[in-house]
């Protein structure tokens, strides 16, 4: 097991490798504000207030506005904040990598994920394999791909549509499906139900699902990506639906990001993804707790 000091040095190399990967592929690194008037309202994510603003839970809204303004390949490594998130894999202040491609879709992002993990493993481990939690994970081959519908059919006795309808979707994902996913290579779990993809566009030919995927490796959920919805009317309705669900669960409604909605119609067909840097460091270092790959835990401050 690596020491905490070793993990911090490895973390620095991983972040350098991420930057070199995107810069070599023509992506521009951007910085967007950390304090914003409104995040994308989500049912289960609680933002931190910062005086009369909010700390961003993700840089996605501002980055999408940059897509609207003609920047076609962008990435950002930044701090994000989400209240009431603490555990062995969660922390209220964490580091996120996000990247976006215009004139693209989620298939291109899946390929990016394969190439990025291969690059990081080669640069930081000089290897095509990653050892995590007693498992040897190969990143040299094409990653496994499993649709969410097939995962429910294969690993549960409930159909995906029924799980969404009766509210058991998240529990079945965590308890039944995630433990059964491939352990010898990363997995791209794709085509999530529309109700579980608030900012993603529908998949042509299947109105039940959206072009959304998640990346798993060694039992860790690393990233969430999708082809972007660019219909401001539909997006507003989804934000309002999230607030209705929040109210139903006893939470206050969150403000609607009006400047984002005003620009959204000008966004070309695009795709974007968020990857947890802390979890990537856990994977590469073999650490099983997020505490082991960050400089200070909240409890130490």
C-alpha atoms as a PDB file:
ATOM      1  CA  UNK A   1       0.000   0.000   0.000  1.00  0.00           C
ATOM      2  CA  UNK A   2       1.410   3.389  -0.974  1.00  0.00           C
ATOM      3  CA  UNK A   3       1.908   6.039   1.701  1.00  0.00           C
ATOM      4  CA  UNK A   4      -0.139   9.226   1.802  1.00  0.00           C
ATOM      5  CA  UNK A   5       2.910  11.186   0.626  1.00  0.00           C
ATOM      6  CA  UNK A   6       3.397   8.771  -2.302  1.00  0.00           C
ATOM      7  CA  UNK A   7      -0.249   9.169  -3.263  1.00  0.00           C
ATOM      8  CA  UNK A   8       0.004  12.955  -3.326  1.00  0.00           C
ATOM      9  CA  UNK A   9       3.035  12.775  -5.616  1.00  0.00           C
ATOM     10  CA  UNK A  10       1.183  10.304  -7.839  1.00  0.00           C
ATOM     11  CA  UNK A  11      -1.830  12.626  -7.836  1.00  0.00           C
ATOM     12  CA  UNK A  12       0.321  15.439  -9.204  1.00  0.00           C
ATOM     13  CA  UNK A  13       1.599  13.178 -12.007  1.00  0.00           C
ATOM     14  CA  UNK A  14      -1.929  12.057 -12.863  1.00  0.00           C
ATOM     15  CA  UNK A  15      -3.135  15.654 -13.193  1.00  0.00           C
ATOM     16  CA  UNK A  16      -0.136  16.442 -15.398  1.00  0.00           C
ATOM     17  CA  UNK A  17      -0.949  13.380 -17.526  1.00  0.00           C
ATOM     18  CA  UNK A  18      -4.583  14.499 -17.872  1.00  0.00           C
ATOM     19  CA  UNK A  19      -3.474  17.910 -19.100  1.00  0.00           C
ATOM     20  CA  UNK A  20      -0.986  16.480 -21.580  1.00  0.00           C
ATOM     21  CA  UNK A  21      -3.642  14.093 -22.921  1.00  0.00           C
ATOM     22  CA  UNK A  22      -6.166  16.828 -23.713  1.00  0.00           C
ATOM     23  CA  UNK A  23      -3.645  19.406 -24.911  1.00  0.00           C
ATOM     24  CA  UNK A  24      -2.182  16.881 -27.363  1.00  0.00           C
ATOM     25  CA  UNK A  25      -5.669  16.370 -28.809  1.00  0.00           C
ATOM     26  CA  UNK A  26      -6.454  20.006 -29.439  1.00  0.00           C
ATOM     27  CA  UNK A  27      -8.580  20.714 -26.353  1.00  0.00           C
ATOM     28  CA  UNK A  28      -8.354  24.144 -24.738  1.00  0.00           C
ATOM     29  CA  UNK A  29      -8.149  24.319 -20.951  1.00  0.00           C
ATOM     30  CA  UNK A  30     -10.673  26.790 -19.542  1.00  0.00           C
ATOM     31  CA  UNK A  31     -11.519  28.318 -16.182  1.00  0.00           C
ATOM     32  CA  UNK A  32     -15.069  29.241 -15.230  1.00  0.00           C
ATOM     33  CA  UNK A  33     -16.456  30.930 -12.072  1.00  0.00           C
ATOM     34  CA  UNK A  34     -16.718  28.866  -8.901  1.00  0.00           C
ATOM     35  CA  UNK A  35     -19.494  31.049  -7.447  1.00  0.00           C
ATOM     36  CA  UNK A  36     -22.579  31.233  -9.642  1.00  0.00           C
ATOM     37  CA  UNK A  37     -26.205  32.406  -9.273  1.00  0.00           C
ATOM     38  CA  UNK A  38     -27.643  28.942 -10.055  1.00  0.00           C
ATOM     39  CA  UNK A  39     -26.552  25.365 -10.643  1.00  0.00           C
ATOM     40  CA  UNK A  40     -28.580  22.903 -12.678  1.00  0.00           C
ATOM     41  CA  UNK A  41     -31.365  21.937 -10.226  1.00  0.00           C
ATOM     42  CA  UNK A  42     -31.073  18.255  -9.344  1.00  0.00           C
ATOM     43  CA  UNK A  43     -33.244  16.149  -7.097  1.00  0.00           C
ATOM     44  CA  UNK A  44     -30.463  14.586  -5.006  1.00  0.00           C
ATOM     45  CA  UNK A  45     -27.650  17.177  -5.113  1.00  0.00           C
ATOM     46  CA  UNK A  46     -27.579  19.959  -2.518  1.00  0.00           C
ATOM     47  CA  UNK A  47     -25.364  22.976  -3.310  1.00  0.00           C
ATOM     48  CA  UNK A  48     -23.520  25.154  -0.796  1.00  0.00           C
ATOM     49  CA  UNK A  49     -24.570  28.791  -0.443  1.00  0.00           C
ATOM     50  CA  UNK A  50     -21.852  31.449  -0.764  1.00  0.00           C
ATOM     51  CA  UNK A  51     -23.399  34.708   0.386  1.00  0.00           C
ATOM     52  CA  UNK A  52     -26.038  35.481  -2.273  1.00  0.00           C
ATOM     53  CA  UNK A  53     -24.591  32.932  -4.745  1.00  0.00           C
ATOM     54  CA  UNK A  54     -23.864  29.192  -4.817  1.00  0.00           C
ATOM     55  CA  UNK A  55     -20.599  27.281  -5.081  1.00  0.00           C
ATOM     56  CA  UNK A  56     -20.830  25.307  -8.273  1.00  0.00           C
ATOM     57  CA  UNK A  57     -21.621  21.590  -8.030  1.00  0.00           C
ATOM     58  CA  UNK A  58     -20.110  21.208 -11.504  1.00  0.00           C
ATOM     59  CA  UNK A  59     -18.689  23.602 -14.103  1.00  0.00           C
ATOM     60  CA  UNK A  60     -21.051  22.223 -16.749  1.00  0.00           C
ATOM     61  CA  UNK A  61     -23.390  25.185 -17.242  1.00  0.00           C
ATOM     62  CA  UNK A  62     -20.624  27.703 -17.919  1.00  0.00           C
ATOM     63  CA  UNK A  63     -18.699  25.226 -20.059  1.00  0.00           C
ATOM     64  CA  UNK A  64     -21.786  24.576 -22.180  1.00  0.00           C
ATOM     65  CA  UNK A  65     -22.197  28.318 -22.632  1.00  0.00           C
ATOM     66  CA  UNK A  66     -18.655  28.349 -24.024  1.00  0.00           C
ATOM     67  CA  UNK A  67     -19.741  25.688 -26.534  1.00  0.00           C
ATOM     68  CA  UNK A  68     -22.582  28.031 -27.510  1.00  0.00           C
ATOM     69  CA  UNK A  69     -19.991  30.743 -28.157  1.00  0.00           C
ATOM     70  CA  UNK A  70     -17.970  28.672 -30.608  1.00  0.00           C
ATOM     71  CA  UNK A  71     -15.343  26.850 -28.496  1.00  0.00           C
ATOM     72  CA  UNK A  72     -15.471  23.311 -29.810  1.00  0.00           C
ATOM     73  CA  UNK A  73     -13.098  21.296 -27.593  1.00  0.00           C
ATOM     74  CA  UNK A  74     -12.652  22.360 -23.976  1.00  0.00           C
ATOM     75  CA  UNK A  75     -11.647  20.801 -20.671  1.00  0.00           C
ATOM     76  CA  UNK A  76     -11.364  21.926 -17.059  1.00  0.00           C
ATOM     77  CA  UNK A  77      -9.931  20.519 -13.821  1.00  0.00           C
ATOM     78  CA  UNK A  78     -11.536  22.298 -10.890  1.00  0.00           C
ATOM     79  CA  UNK A  79     -12.874  22.091  -7.365  1.00  0.00           C
ATOM     80  CA  UNK A  80     -16.594  21.399  -6.919  1.00  0.00           C
ATOM     81  CA  UNK A  81     -18.809  21.381  -3.841  1.00  0.00           C
ATOM     82  CA  UNK A  82     -21.812  19.263  -2.864  1.00  0.00           C
ATOM     83  CA  UNK A  83     -23.308  19.404   0.591  1.00  0.00           C
ATOM     84  CA  UNK A  84     -23.974  16.334   2.723  1.00  0.00           C
ATOM     85  CA  UNK A  85     -21.625  14.085   0.752  1.00  0.00           C
ATOM     86  CA  UNK A  86     -19.145  12.207   2.953  1.00  0.00           C
ATOM     87  CA  UNK A  87     -17.982   8.613   2.865  1.00  0.00           C
ATOM     88  CA  UNK A  88     -15.113   6.405   1.772  1.00  0.00           C
ATOM     89  CA  UNK A  89     -15.628   7.586  -1.842  1.00  0.00           C
ATOM     90  CA  UNK A  90     -17.344  10.951  -1.291  1.00  0.00           C
ATOM     91  CA  UNK A  91     -16.260  14.297   0.084  1.00  0.00           C
ATOM     92  CA  UNK A  92     -18.070  17.668   0.071  1.00  0.00           C
ATOM     93  CA  UNK A  93     -15.200  19.469  -1.722  1.00  0.00           C
ATOM     94  CA  UNK A  94     -13.714  17.406  -4.512  1.00  0.00           C
ATOM     95  CA  UNK A  95     -11.856  17.692  -7.814  1.00  0.00           C
ATOM     96  CA  UNK A  96     -13.654  17.222 -11.106  1.00  0.00           C
ATOM     97  CA  UNK A  97     -12.390  16.852 -14.658  1.00  0.00           C
ATOM     98  CA  UNK A  98     -14.933  17.855 -17.292  1.00  0.00           C
ATOM     99  CA  UNK A  99     -14.521  17.931 -21.044  1.00  0.00           C
ATOM    100  CA  UNK A 100     -16.861  18.837 -23.885  1.00  0.00           C
ATOM    101  CA  UNK A 101     -16.917  18.293 -27.640  1.00  0.00           C
ATOM    102  CA  UNK A 102     -19.153  20.162 -30.074  1.00  0.00           C
ATOM    103  CA  UNK A 103     -20.487  18.423 -33.190  1.00  0.00           C
ATOM    104  CA  UNK A 104     -20.123  15.153 -31.332  1.00  0.00           C
ATOM    105  CA  UNK A 105     -21.995  12.587 -29.237  1.00  0.00           C
ATOM    106  CA  UNK A 106     -21.501  10.168 -26.374  1.00  0.00           C
ATOM    107  CA  UNK A 107     -19.764   7.592 -28.570  1.00  0.00           C
ATOM    108  CA  UNK A 108     -16.797   9.974 -28.956  1.00  0.00           C
ATOM    109  CA  UNK A 109     -16.663  10.430 -25.167  1.00  0.00           C
ATOM    110  CA  UNK A 110     -16.543   6.679 -24.616  1.00  0.00           C
ATOM    111  CA  UNK A 111     -13.523   6.501 -26.907  1.00  0.00           C
ATOM    112  CA  UNK A 112     -11.960   9.426 -25.014  1.00  0.00           C
ATOM    113  CA  UNK A 113     -12.375   7.464 -21.767  1.00  0.00           C
ATOM    114  CA  UNK A 114     -10.557   4.460 -23.205  1.00  0.00           C
ATOM    115  CA  UNK A 115      -7.667   6.556 -24.497  1.00  0.00           C
ATOM    116  CA  UNK A 116      -7.437   8.672 -21.328  1.00  0.00           C
ATOM    117  CA  UNK A 117      -7.161   5.697 -18.968  1.00  0.00           C
ATOM    118  CA  UNK A 118      -4.613   4.064 -21.273  1.00  0.00           C
ATOM    119  CA  UNK A 119      -2.577   7.281 -21.318  1.00  0.00           C
ATOM    120  CA  UNK A 120      -2.660   7.768 -17.540  1.00  0.00           C
ATOM    121  CA  UNK A 121      -1.705   4.142 -16.876  1.00  0.00           C
ATOM    122  CA  UNK A 122       1.172   4.315 -19.356  1.00  0.00           C
ATOM    123  CA  UNK A 123       2.526   7.639 -18.065  1.00  0.00           C
ATOM    124  CA  UNK A 124       2.039   7.051 -14.330  1.00  0.00           C
ATOM    125  CA  UNK A 125       2.431   3.275 -14.025  1.00  0.00           C
ATOM    126  CA  UNK A 126       4.373   2.394 -17.210  1.00  0.00           C
ATOM    127  CA  UNK A 127       1.829  -0.389 -17.630  1.00  0.00           C
ATOM    128  CA  UNK A 128      -1.271  -1.501 -19.529  1.00  0.00           C
ATOM    129  CA  UNK A 129      -2.804  -2.852 -16.328  1.00  0.00           C
ATOM    130  CA  UNK A 130      -4.021  -1.314 -13.072  1.00  0.00           C
ATOM    131  CA  UNK A 131      -4.105  -3.244  -9.787  1.00  0.00           C
ATOM    132  CA  UNK A 132      -7.015  -2.227  -7.586  1.00  0.00           C
ATOM    133  CA  UNK A 133      -8.610  -3.965  -4.597  1.00  0.00           C
ATOM    134  CA  UNK A 134      -7.013  -7.292  -5.474  1.00  0.00           C
ATOM    135  CA  UNK A 135      -8.065  -7.107  -9.124  1.00  0.00           C
ATOM    136  CA  UNK A 136      -5.879  -6.716 -12.220  1.00  0.00           C
ATOM    137  CA  UNK A 137      -7.655  -4.412 -14.673  1.00  0.00           C
ATOM    138  CA  UNK A 138      -6.497  -4.299 -18.280  1.00  0.00           C
ATOM    139  CA  UNK A 139      -6.862  -0.958 -20.052  1.00  0.00           C
ATOM    140  CA  UNK A 140      -5.126  -1.969 -23.282  1.00  0.00           C
ATOM    141  CA  UNK A 141      -8.234  -3.435 -24.924  1.00  0.00           C
ATOM    142  CA  UNK A 142     -11.582  -1.909 -25.846  1.00  0.00           C
ATOM    143  CA  UNK A 143     -13.624  -1.468 -22.685  1.00  0.00           C
ATOM    144  CA  UNK A 144     -16.633  -3.668 -21.986  1.00  0.00           C
ATOM    145  CA  UNK A 145     -19.951  -2.093 -23.038  1.00  0.00           C
ATOM    146  CA  UNK A 146     -23.258  -3.026 -21.398  1.00  0.00           C
ATOM    147  CA  UNK A 147     -26.603  -1.302 -21.896  1.00  0.00           C
ATOM    148  CA  UNK A 148     -28.550  -0.515 -18.737  1.00  0.00           C
ATOM    149  CA  UNK A 149     -31.540  -2.440 -20.109  1.00  0.00           C
ATOM    150  CA  UNK A 150     -29.394  -5.551 -20.667  1.00  0.00           C
ATOM    151  CA  UNK A 151     -27.832  -5.175 -17.216  1.00  0.00           C
ATOM    152  CA  UNK A 152     -31.277  -5.269 -15.589  1.00  0.00           C
ATOM    153  CA  UNK A 153     -32.267  -8.270 -17.703  1.00  0.00           C
ATOM    154  CA  UNK A 154     -29.039 -10.139 -16.909  1.00  0.00           C
ATOM    155  CA  UNK A 155     -28.500  -9.320 -13.236  1.00  0.00           C
ATOM    156  CA  UNK A 156     -31.969  -8.676 -11.770  1.00  0.00           C
ATOM    157  CA  UNK A 157     -35.478 -10.078 -12.065  1.00  0.00           C
ATOM    158  CA  UNK A 158     -36.878  -6.600 -12.756  1.00  0.00           C
ATOM    159  CA  UNK A 159     -37.112  -4.856 -16.100  1.00  0.00           C
ATOM    160  CA  UNK A 160     -35.422  -1.466 -16.337  1.00  0.00           C
ATOM    161  CA  UNK A 161     -38.702   0.314 -17.099  1.00  0.00           C
ATOM    162  CA  UNK A 162     -40.416  -1.265 -14.076  1.00  0.00           C
ATOM    163  CA  UNK A 163     -37.521  -0.318 -11.793  1.00  0.00           C
ATOM    164  CA  UNK A 164     -37.849   3.310 -12.868  1.00  0.00           C
ATOM    165  CA  UNK A 165     -41.601   3.193 -12.341  1.00  0.00           C
ATOM    166  CA  UNK A 166     -41.510   1.659  -8.837  1.00  0.00           C
ATOM    167  CA  UNK A 167     -38.517   3.644  -7.576  1.00  0.00           C
ATOM    168  CA  UNK A 168     -36.156   0.678  -7.166  1.00  0.00           C
ATOM    169  CA  UNK A 169     -33.753   1.679  -9.968  1.00  0.00           C
ATOM    170  CA  UNK A 170     -30.955   3.185  -7.828  1.00  0.00           C
ATOM    171  CA  UNK A 171     -31.056   0.408  -5.229  1.00  0.00           C
ATOM    172  CA  UNK A 172     -30.893  -2.333  -7.848  1.00  0.00           C
ATOM    173  CA  UNK A 173     -28.036  -0.566  -9.617  1.00  0.00           C
ATOM    174  CA  UNK A 174     -25.964  -0.418  -6.431  1.00  0.00           C
ATOM    175  CA  UNK A 175     -26.880  -3.746  -4.865  1.00  0.00           C
ATOM    176  CA  UNK A 176     -27.346  -6.056  -7.842  1.00  0.00           C
ATOM    177  CA  UNK A 177     -25.798  -4.642 -11.006  1.00  0.00           C
ATOM    178  CA  UNK A 178     -22.604  -2.786 -10.057  1.00  0.00           C
ATOM    179  CA  UNK A 179     -21.106  -5.803  -8.190  1.00  0.00           C
ATOM    180  CA  UNK A 180     -21.685  -7.992 -11.270  1.00  0.00           C
ATOM    181  CA  UNK A 181     -19.993  -5.753 -13.831  1.00  0.00           C
ATOM    182  CA  UNK A 182     -16.733  -6.928 -15.421  1.00  0.00           C
ATOM    183  CA  UNK A 183     -13.811  -6.707 -13.006  1.00  0.00           C
ATOM    184  CA  UNK A 184     -10.910  -7.448 -15.387  1.00  0.00           C
ATOM    185  CA  UNK A 185     -11.462  -4.341 -17.535  1.00  0.00           C
ATOM    186  CA  UNK A 186     -13.282  -1.018 -17.328  1.00  0.00           C
ATOM    187  CA  UNK A 187     -16.987  -1.011 -18.174  1.00  0.00           C
ATOM    188  CA  UNK A 188     -19.082   1.550 -20.046  1.00  0.00           C
ATOM    189  CA  UNK A 189     -22.690   1.223 -18.856  1.00  0.00           C
ATOM    190  CA  UNK A 190     -24.800   3.085 -21.410  1.00  0.00           C
ATOM    191  CA  UNK A 191     -28.317   4.159 -22.433  1.00  0.00           C
ATOM    192  CA  UNK A 192     -29.832   5.184 -19.103  1.00  0.00           C
ATOM    193  CA  UNK A 193     -33.584   5.733 -18.690  1.00  0.00           C
ATOM    194  CA  UNK A 194     -34.706   9.219 -19.689  1.00  0.00           C
ATOM    195  CA  UNK A 195     -35.843   9.912 -16.114  1.00  0.00           C
ATOM    196  CA  UNK A 196     -32.228   9.331 -14.958  1.00  0.00           C
ATOM    197  CA  UNK A 197     -30.665  11.717 -17.490  1.00  0.00           C
ATOM    198  CA  UNK A 198     -31.818  15.254 -16.758  1.00  0.00           C
ATOM    199  CA  UNK A 199     -29.438  17.026 -19.161  1.00  0.00           C
ATOM    200  CA  UNK A 200     -29.027  14.352 -21.856  1.00  0.00           C
ATOM    201  CA  UNK A 201     -30.733  14.094 -25.212  1.00  0.00           C
ATOM    202  CA  UNK A 202     -33.050  11.185 -26.077  1.00  0.00           C
ATOM    203  CA  UNK A 203     -31.667   8.255 -28.053  1.00  0.00           C
ATOM    204  CA  UNK A 204     -33.124   8.144 -31.575  1.00  0.00           C
ATOM    205  CA  UNK A 205     -35.380   5.145 -32.017  1.00  0.00           C
ATOM    206  CA  UNK A 206     -35.847   4.462 -28.282  1.00  0.00           C
ATOM    207  CA  UNK A 207     -37.805   7.127 -26.417  1.00  0.00           C
ATOM    208  CA  UNK A 208     -37.329   5.343 -23.077  1.00  0.00           C
ATOM    209  CA  UNK A 209     -33.573   5.989 -22.888  1.00  0.00           C
ATOM    210  CA  UNK A 210     -31.099   8.830 -23.222  1.00  0.00           C
ATOM    211  CA  UNK A 211     -27.602   8.912 -24.699  1.00  0.00           C
ATOM    212  CA  UNK A 212     -25.970   8.769 -21.276  1.00  0.00           C
ATOM    213  CA  UNK A 213     -23.257   6.446 -19.952  1.00  0.00           C
ATOM    214  CA  UNK A 214     -21.167   5.874 -16.845  1.00  0.00           C
ATOM    215  CA  UNK A 215     -17.602   4.567 -16.644  1.00  0.00           C
ATOM    216  CA  UNK A 216     -16.707   1.949 -14.014  1.00  0.00           C
ATOM    217  CA  UNK A 217     -13.365   0.360 -13.179  1.00  0.00           C
ATOM    218  CA  UNK A 218     -12.555  -1.948 -10.292  1.00  0.00           C
ATOM    219  CA  UNK A 219     -15.959  -1.341  -8.769  1.00  0.00           C
ATOM    220  CA  UNK A 220     -15.450   2.435  -8.788  1.00  0.00           C
ATOM    221  CA  UNK A 221     -17.837   4.705 -10.632  1.00  0.00           C
ATOM    222  CA  UNK A 222     -15.464   7.145 -12.325  1.00  0.00           C
ATOM    223  CA  UNK A 223     -17.396   9.255 -14.822  1.00  0.00           C
ATOM    224  CA  UNK A 224     -20.816  10.267 -16.110  1.00  0.00           C
ATOM    225  CA  UNK A 225     -21.176  11.477 -19.714  1.00  0.00           C
ATOM    226  CA  UNK A 226     -23.858  12.122 -22.280  1.00  0.00           C
ATOM    227  CA  UNK A 227     -24.911  13.660 -25.546  1.00  0.00           C
ATOM    228  CA  UNK A 228     -26.203  17.074 -24.530  1.00  0.00           C
ATOM    229  CA  UNK A 229     -29.799  18.205 -24.678  1.00  0.00           C
ATOM    230  CA  UNK A 230     -29.914  21.551 -26.508  1.00  0.00           C
ATOM    231  CA  UNK A 231     -33.660  22.228 -26.415  1.00  0.00           C
ATOM    232  CA  UNK A 232     -34.221  25.081 -23.914  1.00  0.00           C
ATOM    233  CA  UNK A 233     -37.960  24.398 -23.571  1.00  0.00           C
ATOM    234  CA  UNK A 234     -37.440  20.741 -22.699  1.00  0.00           C
ATOM    235  CA  UNK A 235     -34.498  21.604 -20.444  1.00  0.00           C
ATOM    236  CA  UNK A 236     -36.559  24.143 -18.483  1.00  0.00           C
ATOM    237  CA  UNK A 237     -39.271  21.542 -17.941  1.00  0.00           C
ATOM    238  CA  UNK A 238     -36.689  19.064 -16.640  1.00  0.00           C
ATOM    239  CA  UNK A 239     -35.316  21.656 -14.216  1.00  0.00           C
ATOM    240  CA  UNK A 240     -38.835  22.417 -13.011  1.00  0.00           C
ATOM    241  CA  UNK A 241     -39.548  18.707 -12.590  1.00  0.00           C
ATOM    242  CA  UNK A 242     -36.400  18.364 -10.455  1.00  0.00           C
ATOM    243  CA  UNK A 243     -37.668  21.189  -8.246  1.00  0.00           C
ATOM    244  CA  UNK A 244     -41.090  19.564  -7.961  1.00  0.00           C
ATOM    245  CA  UNK A 245     -39.407  16.371  -6.752  1.00  0.00           C
ATOM    246  CA  UNK A 246     -37.289  18.362  -4.302  1.00  0.00           C
ATOM    247  CA  UNK A 247     -40.401  19.991  -2.861  1.00  0.00           C
ATOM    248  CA  UNK A 248     -42.101  16.614  -2.600  1.00  0.00           C
ATOM    249  CA  UNK A 249     -39.091  15.334  -0.608  1.00  0.00           C
ATOM    250  CA  UNK A 250     -39.150  18.332   1.746  1.00  0.00           C
ATOM    251  CA  UNK A 251     -36.281  20.218   0.075  1.00  0.00           C
ATOM    252  CA  UNK A 252     -36.408  23.805  -1.126  1.00  0.00           C
ATOM    253  CA  UNK A 253     -36.600  24.554  -4.833  1.00  0.00           C
ATOM    254  CA  UNK A 254     -33.386  25.783  -6.454  1.00  0.00           C
ATOM    255  CA  UNK A 255     -33.121  28.781  -8.808  1.00  0.00           C
ATOM    256  CA  UNK A 256     -33.377  28.173 -12.549  1.00  0.00           C
ATOM    257  CA  UNK A 257     -30.188  29.112 -14.493  1.00  0.00           C
ATOM    258  CA  UNK A 258     -31.806  31.589 -16.892  1.00  0.00           C
ATOM    259  CA  UNK A 259     -28.628  32.793 -18.707  1.00  0.00           C
ATOM    260  CA  UNK A 260     -27.806  29.182 -19.554  1.00  0.00           C
ATOM    261  CA  UNK A 261     -31.294  28.556 -20.932  1.00  0.00           C
ATOM    262  CA  UNK A 262     -31.147  31.737 -23.014  1.00  0.00           C
ATOM    263  CA  UNK A 263     -28.006  30.499 -24.798  1.00  0.00           C
ATOM    264  CA  UNK A 264     -28.830  26.797 -24.984  1.00  0.00           C
ATOM    265  CA  UNK A 265     -30.589  26.859 -28.349  1.00  0.00           C
ATOM    266  CA  UNK A 266     -27.367  28.059 -30.003  1.00  0.00           C
ATOM    267  CA  UNK A 267     -25.346  25.079 -28.751  1.00  0.00           C
ATOM    268  CA  UNK A 268     -24.409  22.721 -31.603  1.00  0.00           C
ATOM    269  CA  UNK A 269     -24.896  18.954 -31.165  1.00  0.00           C
ATOM    270  CA  UNK A 270     -22.423  18.299 -28.363  1.00  0.00           C
ATOM    271  CA  UNK A 271     -21.321  15.841 -25.716  1.00  0.00           C
ATOM    272  CA  UNK A 272     -19.824  16.320 -22.268  1.00  0.00           C
ATOM    273  CA  UNK A 273     -18.563  14.276 -19.354  1.00  0.00           C
ATOM    274  CA  UNK A 274     -17.563  14.666 -15.705  1.00  0.00           C
ATOM    275  CA  UNK A 275     -14.833  12.431 -14.239  1.00  0.00           C
ATOM    276  CA  UNK A 276     -13.930  12.331 -10.551  1.00  0.00           C
ATOM    277  CA  UNK A 277     -10.207  13.038 -10.279  1.00  0.00           C
ATOM    278  CA  UNK A 278     -10.012  11.854  -6.668  1.00  0.00           C
ATOM    279  CA  UNK A 279     -11.507   8.498  -7.669  1.00  0.00           C
ATOM    280  CA  UNK A 280      -9.131   8.206 -10.619  1.00  0.00           C
ATOM    281  CA  UNK A 281      -6.230   8.718  -8.205  1.00  0.00           C
ATOM    282  CA  UNK A 282      -7.743   6.048  -5.945  1.00  0.00           C
ATOM    283  CA  UNK A 283      -7.844   3.640  -8.875  1.00  0.00           C
ATOM    284  CA  UNK A 284      -4.285   4.311 -10.052  1.00  0.00           C
ATOM    285  CA  UNK A 285      -2.807   4.292  -6.527  1.00  0.00           C
ATOM    286  CA  UNK A 286      -4.821   1.351  -5.219  1.00  0.00           C
ATOM    287  CA  UNK A 287      -6.262   3.401  -2.364  1.00  0.00           C
ATOM    288  CA  UNK A 288      -9.663   2.287  -1.061  1.00  0.00           C
ATOM    289  CA  UNK A 289     -10.506   5.558   0.735  1.00  0.00           C
ATOM    290  CA  UNK A 290     -10.727   9.013  -0.757  1.00  0.00           C
ATOM    291  CA  UNK A 291      -9.016  10.285   2.417  1.00  0.00           C
ATOM    292  CA  UNK A 292      -5.792   8.607   1.267  1.00  0.00           C
ATOM    293  CA  UNK A 293      -5.490  10.617  -1.972  1.00  0.00           C
ATOM    294  CA  UNK A 294      -6.302  14.180  -0.844  1.00  0.00           C
ATOM    295  CA  UNK A 295      -4.076  16.599   1.046  1.00  0.00           C
ATOM    296  CA  UNK A 296      -6.512  17.288   3.895  1.00  0.00           C
ATOM    297  CA  UNK A 297      -9.820  15.781   4.932  1.00  0.00           C
ATOM    298  CA  UNK A 298     -12.574  18.116   6.212  1.00  0.00           C
ATOM    299  CA  UNK A 299     -12.108  16.671   9.683  1.00  0.00           C
ATOM    300  CA  UNK A 300      -8.451  17.781   9.720  1.00  0.00           C
ATOM    301  CA  UNK A 301      -9.189  21.446   9.034  1.00  0.00           C
END
